[in-house]
Amino acid sequence: MSRKFVYQSVLAPFMDDFVAAKEACGVHCLRTKWILLEIDSFFCQKDVREAVITKELVVKWQQTRVNDCERTLYGKFSVLSQLARYMSRHGYAFL
C-alpha cells in the first residue's frame, strides 16, 4: 500500500517539483517526502502565505522538534536546505 503525499502549504508546488526532480534522477526519497510533509504541516499551522524560508521560521520549526535527536535533526535540516537551494535555483529567495 502506497501513501499519497499531499502538500498543502505555500511551499507545496516547490515540494512536489523537488520530489519529482529527485525521483526523475532515480533517487528513492520516501524519507524526504515524510520530512517535507512535517515541514509543510508546520508552514500550514503558522499560516505562512509567502514562499520564502526565513531564518525565523526555521528556528520556530526547530523548536517544535523537541523529541528529535541531533542526528535526526541534521537529516531534516539537510532536506530543508536542499529544498531552499532548489527554490533559489528557481528564482525564489530564502533568508
Protein backbone atom coordinates (compact mmCIF):
# COMPACT_ATOMS: atom_id res chain seq x y z
CA MET A 1 0.00 0.00 0.00
CA SER A 2 1.48 3.33 -1.02
CA ARG A 3 0.80 6.58 0.73
CA LYS A 4 0.00 9.68 -1.28
CA PHE A 5 1.86 12.72 -0.05
CA VAL A 6 -0.24 15.84 -0.46
CA TYR A 7 1.49 19.06 0.48
CA GLN A 8 -0.81 21.99 1.21
CA SER A 9 1.33 24.93 2.32
CA VAL A 10 2.55 27.80 0.18
CA LEU A 11 5.66 25.67 -0.44
CA ALA A 12 3.62 22.77 -1.86
CA PRO A 13 4.42 23.39 -5.55
CA PHE A 14 8.13 23.52 -4.77
CA MET A 15 7.96 20.40 -2.62
CA ASP A 16 6.14 18.49 -5.36
CA ASP A 17 8.61 19.62 -8.02
CA PHE A 18 11.59 18.95 -5.75
CA VAL A 19 10.45 15.38 -5.07
CA ALA A 20 9.68 14.81 -8.77
CA ALA A 21 13.16 16.04 -9.73
CA LYS A 22 14.82 13.70 -7.23
CA GLU A 23 12.72 10.74 -8.39
CA ALA A 24 13.49 11.55 -12.05
CA CYS A 25 17.15 11.07 -11.16
CA GLY A 26 16.37 7.66 -9.68
CA VAL A 27 16.61 8.72 -6.04
CA HIS A 28 14.37 6.83 -3.61
CA CYS A 29 13.08 9.63 -1.41
CA LEU A 30 10.42 8.27 0.94
CA ARG A 31 12.17 9.78 3.99
CA THR A 32 12.42 13.12 2.19
CA LYS A 33 8.68 13.04 1.50
CA TRP A 34 7.90 12.45 5.19
CA ILE A 35 10.21 15.28 6.28
CA LEU A 36 8.67 17.62 3.72
CA LEU A 37 5.21 16.64 4.98
CA GLU A 38 6.29 17.62 8.51
CA ILE A 39 7.64 20.97 7.28
CA ASP A 40 4.53 21.50 5.17
CA SER A 41 2.33 20.92 8.21
CA PHE A 42 4.33 23.47 10.20
CA PHE A 43 4.01 26.08 7.45
CA CYS A 44 0.24 25.47 7.34
CA GLN A 45 -0.07 25.77 11.13
CA LYS A 46 1.84 29.06 11.07
CA ASP A 47 -0.31 30.24 8.16
CA VAL A 48 2.72 31.25 6.11
CA ARG A 49 1.50 32.96 2.94
CA GLU A 50 4.77 33.84 1.23
CA ALA A 51 7.01 31.27 -0.44
CA VAL A 52 10.09 32.33 1.50
CA ILE A 53 12.02 30.27 4.02
CA THR A 54 13.28 32.66 6.67
CA LYS A 55 15.72 32.05 9.49
CA GLU A 56 12.94 32.90 11.98
CA LEU A 57 10.65 30.21 10.54
CA VAL A 58 13.44 27.64 10.61
CA VAL A 59 14.18 28.46 14.26
CA LYS A 60 10.49 28.22 15.18
CA TRP A 61 10.21 24.90 13.35
CA GLN A 62 13.32 23.59 15.12
CA GLN A 63 11.79 24.49 18.49
CA THR A 64 8.88 22.15 17.74
CA ARG A 65 11.27 19.21 17.23
CA VAL A 66 11.92 18.58 20.94
CA ASN A 67 11.94 14.78 20.63
CA ASP A 68 14.32 14.60 17.67
CA CYS A 69 17.91 13.62 18.36
CA GLU A 70 20.80 15.58 16.82
CA ARG A 71 21.26 13.09 14.00
CA THR A 72 17.57 13.18 13.08
CA LEU A 73 17.55 16.98 13.14
CA TYR A 74 20.63 17.03 10.94
CA GLY A 75 18.81 14.92 8.34
CA LYS A 76 15.75 17.15 8.49
CA PHE A 77 17.85 20.30 8.16
CA SER A 78 19.57 18.69 5.19
CA VAL A 79 16.25 18.18 3.40
CA LEU A 80 15.14 21.72 4.26
CA SER A 81 18.44 23.06 2.96
CA GLN A 82 18.07 21.08 -0.29
CA LEU A 83 14.55 22.45 -0.74
CA ALA A 84 15.78 26.03 -0.12
CA ARG A 85 18.57 25.61 -2.68
CA TYR A 86 16.08 24.14 -5.16
CA MET A 87 13.80 27.15 -4.64
CA SER A 88 16.75 29.53 -5.00
CA ARG A 89 17.75 27.95 -8.33
CA HIS A 90 14.18 28.55 -9.50
CA GLY A 91 14.14 32.24 -8.59
CA TYR A 92 12.84 32.25 -5.02
CA ALA A 93 14.76 33.70 -2.11
CA PHE A 94 15.41 32.24 1.29
CA LEU A 95 16.60 34.42 4.12
